[in-house]
């Protein structure tokens, strides 16, 4: 069994297909298929169930997955150790990002940290380190799971609960405000209460996103059942739905002010969402991961000042 075989198996398993796995590895799909098939022959059992265009892990593949992740993590640490002796930090850092926080151009209003700028500066001083960015459909919940599974090294997350599987370094907080259509009855109000919104229809993000948890808990604490018929995948989509009269939503003020919508503060609820940088608890980070984490935390501290 070779490290390369495990890398190919892991890419297919995590990406959910041979084509996507090959794209991530930047090799031909035929090479990925041949390598995985060779591994299956050596192990004497199929690792994937193949049904047309879809695949799924077999029982053997499911059992191999955490072992492969652990072996590849150990191999990366070994390479990092040698690289440090040789004098050049290198490797790939896999970073989970938040769709509404940390990736917005400065012109739209900086929230917690300008992550692209941090990555750009880091690349200048450490040109042999590469980055792989991931935005998860279920937001922070997916990122915490990916850290636990070994699929991410770092993740920007919304902090709403205790996270025993990860160490979280604080980056800052973001105030969520009511966003309503410009012709809404509450547009232009100085502030609103949660009771004012009891009969509204809401646009929100999927369950698992930190902001969704924050808002749901605020309304539950006030004894108000919320109607959320529409879910959006990012801030721009949520704004578009609100602008077209499908409901109201909660978003950061930065990046939300514009034609067709009104931004109103909420007076009777703590809607400050804490944001942190999460690192897996159960394994030692690589030198590149540790250095990049320090750079992100320092940049966030400068933003707060």
Protein backbone atom coordinates (compact mmCIF):
# COMPACT_ATOMS: atom_id res chain seq x y z
CA UNK A 1 0.00 0.00 0.00
CA UNK A 2 1.47 3.35 -1.09
CA UNK A 3 0.84 6.87 0.20
CA UNK A 4 -0.21 7.88 -3.32
CA UNK A 5 -2.91 5.18 -3.36
CA UNK A 6 -4.32 6.47 -0.08
CA UNK A 7 -4.25 10.07 -1.36
CA UNK A 8 -6.24 9.04 -4.45
CA UNK A 9 -8.70 6.98 -2.39
CA UNK A 10 -9.20 9.86 0.05
CA UNK A 11 -9.74 12.42 -2.72
CA UNK A 12 -12.46 10.28 -4.34
CA UNK A 13 -14.13 9.56 -0.99
CA UNK A 14 -14.13 13.19 0.17
CA UNK A 15 -15.14 14.69 -3.18
CA UNK A 16 -17.82 12.09 -3.82
CA UNK A 17 -16.69 10.96 -7.26
CA UNK A 18 -13.73 10.01 -9.45
CA UNK A 19 -14.07 13.07 -11.69
CA UNK A 20 -14.10 15.53 -8.79
CA UNK A 21 -11.33 13.60 -7.05
CA UNK A 22 -9.16 13.77 -10.15
CA UNK A 23 -9.86 17.50 -10.48
CA UNK A 24 -8.74 18.07 -6.89
CA UNK A 25 -5.57 16.04 -7.46
CA UNK A 26 -5.00 17.66 -10.88
CA UNK A 27 -4.42 14.32 -12.57
CA UNK A 28 -6.30 12.36 -15.22
CA UNK A 29 -9.43 10.53 -14.09
CA UNK A 30 -8.13 7.33 -15.66
CA UNK A 31 -5.05 7.50 -13.41
CA UNK A 32 -7.22 7.91 -10.31
CA UNK A 33 -9.49 5.02 -11.30
CA UNK A 34 -6.53 2.74 -12.05
CA UNK A 35 -4.80 3.59 -8.77
CA UNK A 36 -7.93 2.99 -6.67
CA UNK A 37 -8.62 -0.29 -8.49
CA UNK A 38 -5.04 -1.42 -7.80
CA UNK A 39 -5.53 -0.62 -4.11
CA UNK A 40 -8.79 -2.60 -4.08
CA UNK A 41 -7.02 -5.60 -5.65
CA UNK A 42 -4.24 -5.43 -3.07
CA UNK A 43 -6.75 -5.27 -0.22
CA UNK A 44 -8.94 -7.95 -1.75
CA UNK A 45 -12.16 -5.96 -1.27
CA UNK A 46 -13.99 -3.17 -3.13
CA UNK A 47 -13.78 0.24 -1.45
CA UNK A 48 -16.52 1.90 -3.50
CA UNK A 49 -19.92 0.80 -4.74
CA UNK A 50 -20.23 2.03 -8.31
CA UNK A 51 -23.73 2.63 -9.65
CA UNK A 52 -23.60 4.48 -12.96
CA UNK A 53 -22.32 8.01 -12.29
CA UNK A 54 -22.75 7.76 -8.50
CA UNK A 55 -20.45 6.09 -5.99
CA UNK A 56 -20.57 5.37 -2.28
CA UNK A 57 -18.17 3.84 0.21
CA UNK A 58 -18.50 0.14 0.93
CA UNK A 59 -18.14 -1.18 4.46
CA UNK A 60 -14.44 -1.74 3.77
CA UNK A 61 -14.07 1.79 2.38
CA UNK A 62 -15.80 3.28 5.41
CA UNK A 63 -13.42 1.38 7.70
CA UNK A 64 -10.36 2.48 5.71
CA UNK A 65 -11.33 6.18 5.57
CA UNK A 66 -10.22 7.30 9.09
CA UNK A 67 -7.08 5.17 8.88
CA UNK A 68 -6.14 6.75 5.55
CA UNK A 69 -6.74 10.22 6.96
CA UNK A 70 -4.53 9.47 9.95
CA UNK A 71 -1.72 8.01 7.83
CA UNK A 72 -1.73 10.97 5.44
CA UNK A 73 -1.71 13.43 8.35
CA UNK A 74 1.33 11.60 9.77
CA UNK A 75 3.02 11.70 6.36
CA UNK A 76 2.42 15.46 6.09
CA UNK A 77 3.93 15.98 9.54
CA UNK A 78 6.99 13.94 8.54
CA UNK A 79 7.45 16.05 5.40
CA UNK A 80 7.01 19.25 7.43
CA UNK A 81 9.73 18.15 9.84
CA UNK A 82 12.19 17.53 7.03
CA UNK A 83 11.22 20.78 5.27
CA UNK A 84 11.91 22.79 8.41
CA UNK A 85 15.38 21.25 8.67
CA UNK A 86 15.90 22.06 4.99
CA UNK A 87 14.82 25.65 5.65
CA UNK A 88 11.66 26.03 3.56
CA UNK A 89 8.09 25.88 4.89
CA UNK A 90 5.86 24.10 2.42
CA UNK A 91 2.69 22.05 2.20
CA UNK A 92 -1.04 22.55 1.63
CA UNK A 93 -3.32 24.15 4.23
CA UNK A 94 -7.01 23.27 3.86
CA UNK A 95 -9.15 26.16 5.09
CA UNK A 96 -12.89 26.27 5.73
CA UNK A 97 -14.39 29.73 5.16
CA UNK A 98 -17.72 31.36 5.92
CA UNK A 99 -19.78 32.56 2.96
CA UNK A 100 -20.81 35.83 4.62
CA UNK A 101 -17.71 36.56 6.70
CA UNK A 102 -14.09 36.98 5.82
CA UNK A 103 -14.12 36.73 2.02
CA UNK A 104 -15.85 39.99 1.09
CA UNK A 105 -13.93 42.63 -0.93
CA UNK A 106 -12.93 45.62 1.19
CA UNK A 107 -15.20 47.90 -0.84
CA UNK A 108 -18.23 46.10 0.58
CA UNK A 109 -17.19 46.57 4.20
CA UNK A 110 -14.71 44.49 6.16
CA UNK A 111 -16.26 42.33 8.85
CA UNK A 112 -13.76 40.28 10.84
CA UNK A 113 -10.66 39.68 8.75
CA UNK A 114 -9.64 40.20 5.12
CA UNK A 115 -8.73 36.58 4.51
CA UNK A 116 -7.60 36.99 0.86
CA UNK A 117 -5.21 39.75 1.95
CA UNK A 118 -3.79 37.55 4.72
CA UNK A 119 -3.31 34.67 2.28
CA UNK A 120 -1.64 37.00 -0.23
CA UNK A 121 0.87 38.30 2.33
CA UNK A 122 1.53 34.79 3.63
CA UNK A 123 2.22 33.53 0.10
CA UNK A 124 4.85 36.24 -0.42
CA UNK A 125 6.84 35.09 2.62
CA UNK A 126 6.08 31.36 2.21
CA UNK A 127 5.74 30.76 -1.56
CA UNK A 128 5.91 26.96 -1.23
CA UNK A 129 2.73 26.81 0.87
CA UNK A 130 -0.51 26.38 -1.08
CA UNK A 131 -4.12 26.83 0.09
CA UNK A 132 -7.33 24.95 -0.56
CA UNK A 133 -10.49 26.90 0.41
CA UNK A 134 -13.80 25.24 1.23
CA UNK A 135 -17.26 26.74 1.83
CA UNK A 136 -19.54 24.11 3.36
CA UNK A 137 -23.29 23.85 2.54
CA UNK A 138 -24.10 23.48 6.25
CA UNK A 139 -21.73 26.21 7.37
CA UNK A 140 -19.88 25.91 10.67
CA UNK A 141 -21.42 22.52 11.52
CA UNK A 142 -19.83 21.01 8.41
CA UNK A 143 -16.51 22.72 9.15
CA UNK A 144 -16.34 21.29 12.67
CA UNK A 145 -17.09 17.82 11.30
CA UNK A 146 -14.44 18.22 8.58
CA UNK A 147 -11.86 19.24 11.20
CA UNK A 148 -12.73 16.18 13.27
CA UNK A 149 -12.53 13.93 10.19
CA UNK A 150 -9.18 15.34 9.06
CA UNK A 151 -10.56 16.95 5.89
CA UNK A 152 -9.68 20.50 7.02
CA UNK A 153 -6.71 22.00 8.85
CA UNK A 154 -8.26 25.36 9.78
CA UNK A 155 -11.76 26.80 9.63
CA UNK A 156 -13.36 30.17 10.20
CA UNK A 157 -16.46 29.32 12.21
CA UNK A 158 -19.38 30.91 13.99
CA UNK A 159 -19.06 30.11 17.69
CA UNK A 160 -22.44 29.23 19.22
CA UNK A 161 -21.67 26.08 21.25
CA UNK A 162 -18.86 24.28 23.04
CA UNK A 163 -16.66 22.50 20.50
CA UNK A 164 -14.68 19.71 22.20
CA UNK A 165 -13.29 18.45 18.88
CA UNK A 166 -11.61 21.77 18.09
CA UNK A 167 -9.61 24.58 19.66
CA UNK A 168 -11.14 27.93 18.72
CA UNK A 169 -9.14 31.16 18.73
CA UNK A 170 -11.38 34.24 18.83
CA UNK A 171 -11.33 36.59 15.84
CA UNK A 172 -14.12 39.02 16.68
CA UNK A 173 -17.89 39.37 16.45
CA UNK A 174 -20.41 40.57 13.89
CA UNK A 175 -23.74 42.29 14.68
CA UNK A 176 -26.70 40.90 12.75
CA UNK A 177 -29.41 43.42 11.75
CA UNK A 178 -32.90 43.15 10.26
CA UNK A 179 -32.94 43.51 6.47
CA UNK A 180 -36.36 44.24 4.97
CA UNK A 181 -37.65 45.45 1.58
CA UNK A 182 -37.44 49.20 1.10
CA UNK A 183 -41.27 49.46 1.05
CA UNK A 184 -41.77 47.27 4.10
CA UNK A 185 -43.83 48.65 7.00
CA UNK A 186 -40.69 48.67 9.22
CA UNK A 187 -38.35 50.25 6.66
CA UNK A 188 -36.88 53.42 8.05
CA UNK A 189 -37.63 52.55 11.69
CA UNK A 190 -34.99 53.49 14.23
CA UNK A 191 -35.12 49.99 15.72
CA UNK A 192 -37.45 47.01 16.05
CA UNK A 193 -38.16 44.30 18.62
CA UNK A 194 -38.61 40.59 18.02
CA UNK A 195 -42.32 40.98 18.82
CA UNK A 196 -42.57 43.41 15.88
CA UNK A 197 -41.47 40.53 13.62
CA UNK A 198 -43.71 37.77 14.96
CA UNK A 199 -45.92 37.58 11.84
CA UNK A 200 -43.18 37.99 9.22
CA UNK A 201 -41.95 35.43 6.71
CA UNK A 202 -38.19 34.98 6.86
CA UNK A 203 -35.35 34.28 4.49
CA UNK A 204 -32.49 32.58 6.32
CA UNK A 205 -29.52 30.26 5.89
CA UNK A 206 -29.74 26.46 6.33
CA UNK A 207 -29.62 24.75 9.72
CA UNK A 208 -26.01 24.29 10.79
CA UNK A 209 -25.00 27.87 9.99
CA UNK A 210 -24.00 29.80 13.10
CA UNK A 211 -26.15 32.79 12.22
CA UNK A 212 -29.22 30.55 11.81
CA UNK A 213 -28.57 29.07 15.27
CA UNK A 214 -28.15 32.57 16.75
CA UNK A 215 -31.43 33.87 15.29
CA UNK A 216 -33.42 30.71 16.04
CA UNK A 217 -32.32 30.82 19.67
CA UNK A 218 -33.21 34.50 20.00
CA UNK A 219 -36.77 33.91 18.80
CA UNK A 220 -37.14 30.72 20.85
CA UNK A 221 -36.02 32.63 23.94
CA UNK A 222 -38.70 35.23 23.24
CA UNK A 223 -41.34 32.51 22.81
CA UNK A 224 -41.92 33.33 19.13
CA UNK A 225 -42.27 30.65 16.45
CA UNK A 226 -40.65 31.82 13.23
CA UNK A 227 -41.87 31.04 9.69
CA UNK A 228 -38.83 30.42 7.44
CA UNK A 229 -40.14 29.33 4.02
CA UNK A 230 -37.03 30.44 2.11
CA UNK A 231 -33.36 29.48 2.54
CA UNK A 232 -30.41 31.14 0.83
CA UNK A 233 -26.88 29.90 0.15
CA UNK A 234 -25.08 33.21 0.68
CA UNK A 235 -25.56 36.87 1.57
CA UNK A 236 -26.15 38.02 -2.00
CA UNK A 237 -28.89 35.43 -2.53
CA UNK A 238 -30.60 36.37 0.74
CA UNK A 239 -30.55 40.05 -0.23
CA UNK A 240 -32.03 39.23 -3.63
CA UNK A 241 -34.92 37.33 -2.08
CA UNK A 242 -35.64 40.16 0.35
CA UNK A 243 -35.35 42.81 -2.35
CA UNK A 244 -38.01 40.96 -4.33
CA UNK A 245 -40.48 40.88 -1.46
CA UNK A 246 -40.22 37.24 -0.38
CA UNK A 247 -39.54 38.03 3.26
CA UNK A 248 -37.20 39.69 5.72
CA UNK A 249 -33.84 38.40 6.91
CA UNK A 250 -30.96 39.01 9.29
CA UNK A 251 -27.54 39.90 7.91
CA UNK A 252 -24.52 42.01 8.84
CA UNK A 253 -25.02 45.69 8.02
CA UNK A 254 -21.73 45.70 6.09
CA UNK A 255 -22.41 44.57 2.56
CA UNK A 256 -26.22 44.69 2.99
CA UNK A 257 -26.98 48.39 2.59
CA UNK A 258 -28.13 49.23 -0.90
CA UNK A 259 -31.00 49.92 -3.25
CA UNK A 260 -34.25 48.09 -2.57
CA UNK A 261 -33.62 47.16 1.08
CA UNK A 262 -33.59 48.83 4.48
CA UNK A 263 -31.31 47.92 7.41
CA UNK A 264 -32.81 48.22 10.91
CA UNK A 265 -31.22 47.49 14.30
CA UNK A 266 -32.89 45.02 16.68
CA UNK A 267 -33.30 46.51 20.16
CA UNK A 268 -34.20 43.62 22.42
CA UNK A 269 -31.92 40.73 21.40
CA UNK A 270 -28.21 39.98 21.51
CA UNK A 271 -27.49 39.32 17.84
CA UNK A 272 -23.70 39.57 18.01
CA UNK A 273 -22.29 36.46 16.34
CA UNK A 274 -18.86 35.47 17.62
CA UNK A 275 -16.42 34.31 14.95
CA UNK A 276 -13.34 32.20 15.60
CA UNK A 277 -10.59 30.24 13.92
CA UNK A 278 -10.95 26.54 14.68
CA UNK A 279 -8.09 24.04 14.71
CA UNK A 280 -8.54 20.28 15.18
CA UNK A 281 -8.01 19.26 18.80
CA UNK A 282 -6.96 15.68 18.25
CA UNK A 283 -3.93 16.14 15.98
CA UNK A 284 -0.85 18.32 15.85
CA UNK A 285 -1.06 21.05 13.16
CA UNK A 286 1.64 21.32 10.52
CA UNK A 287 4.17 24.15 10.67
CA UNK A 288 2.40 25.90 7.78
CA UNK A 289 -1.00 25.54 9.47
CA UNK A 290 0.29 26.98 12.75
CA UNK A 291 1.99 29.89 11.01
CA UNK A 292 -1.06 30.73 8.92
CA UNK A 293 -3.36 30.50 11.97
CA UNK A 294 -1.14 33.02 13.79
CA UNK A 295 -1.24 35.35 10.78
CA UNK A 296 -5.05 35.24 10.60
CA UNK A 297 -5.44 35.91 14.34
CA UNK A 298 -3.00 38.86 14.18
CA UNK A 299 -4.89 40.34 11.20
CA UNK A 300 -8.20 40.03 13.04
CA UNK A 301 -6.72 41.81 16.07
CA UNK A 302 -5.63 44.70 13.83
CA UNK A 303 -9.14 44.88 12.36
CA UNK A 304 -10.69 45.13 15.84
CA UNK A 305 -8.38 47.99 16.73
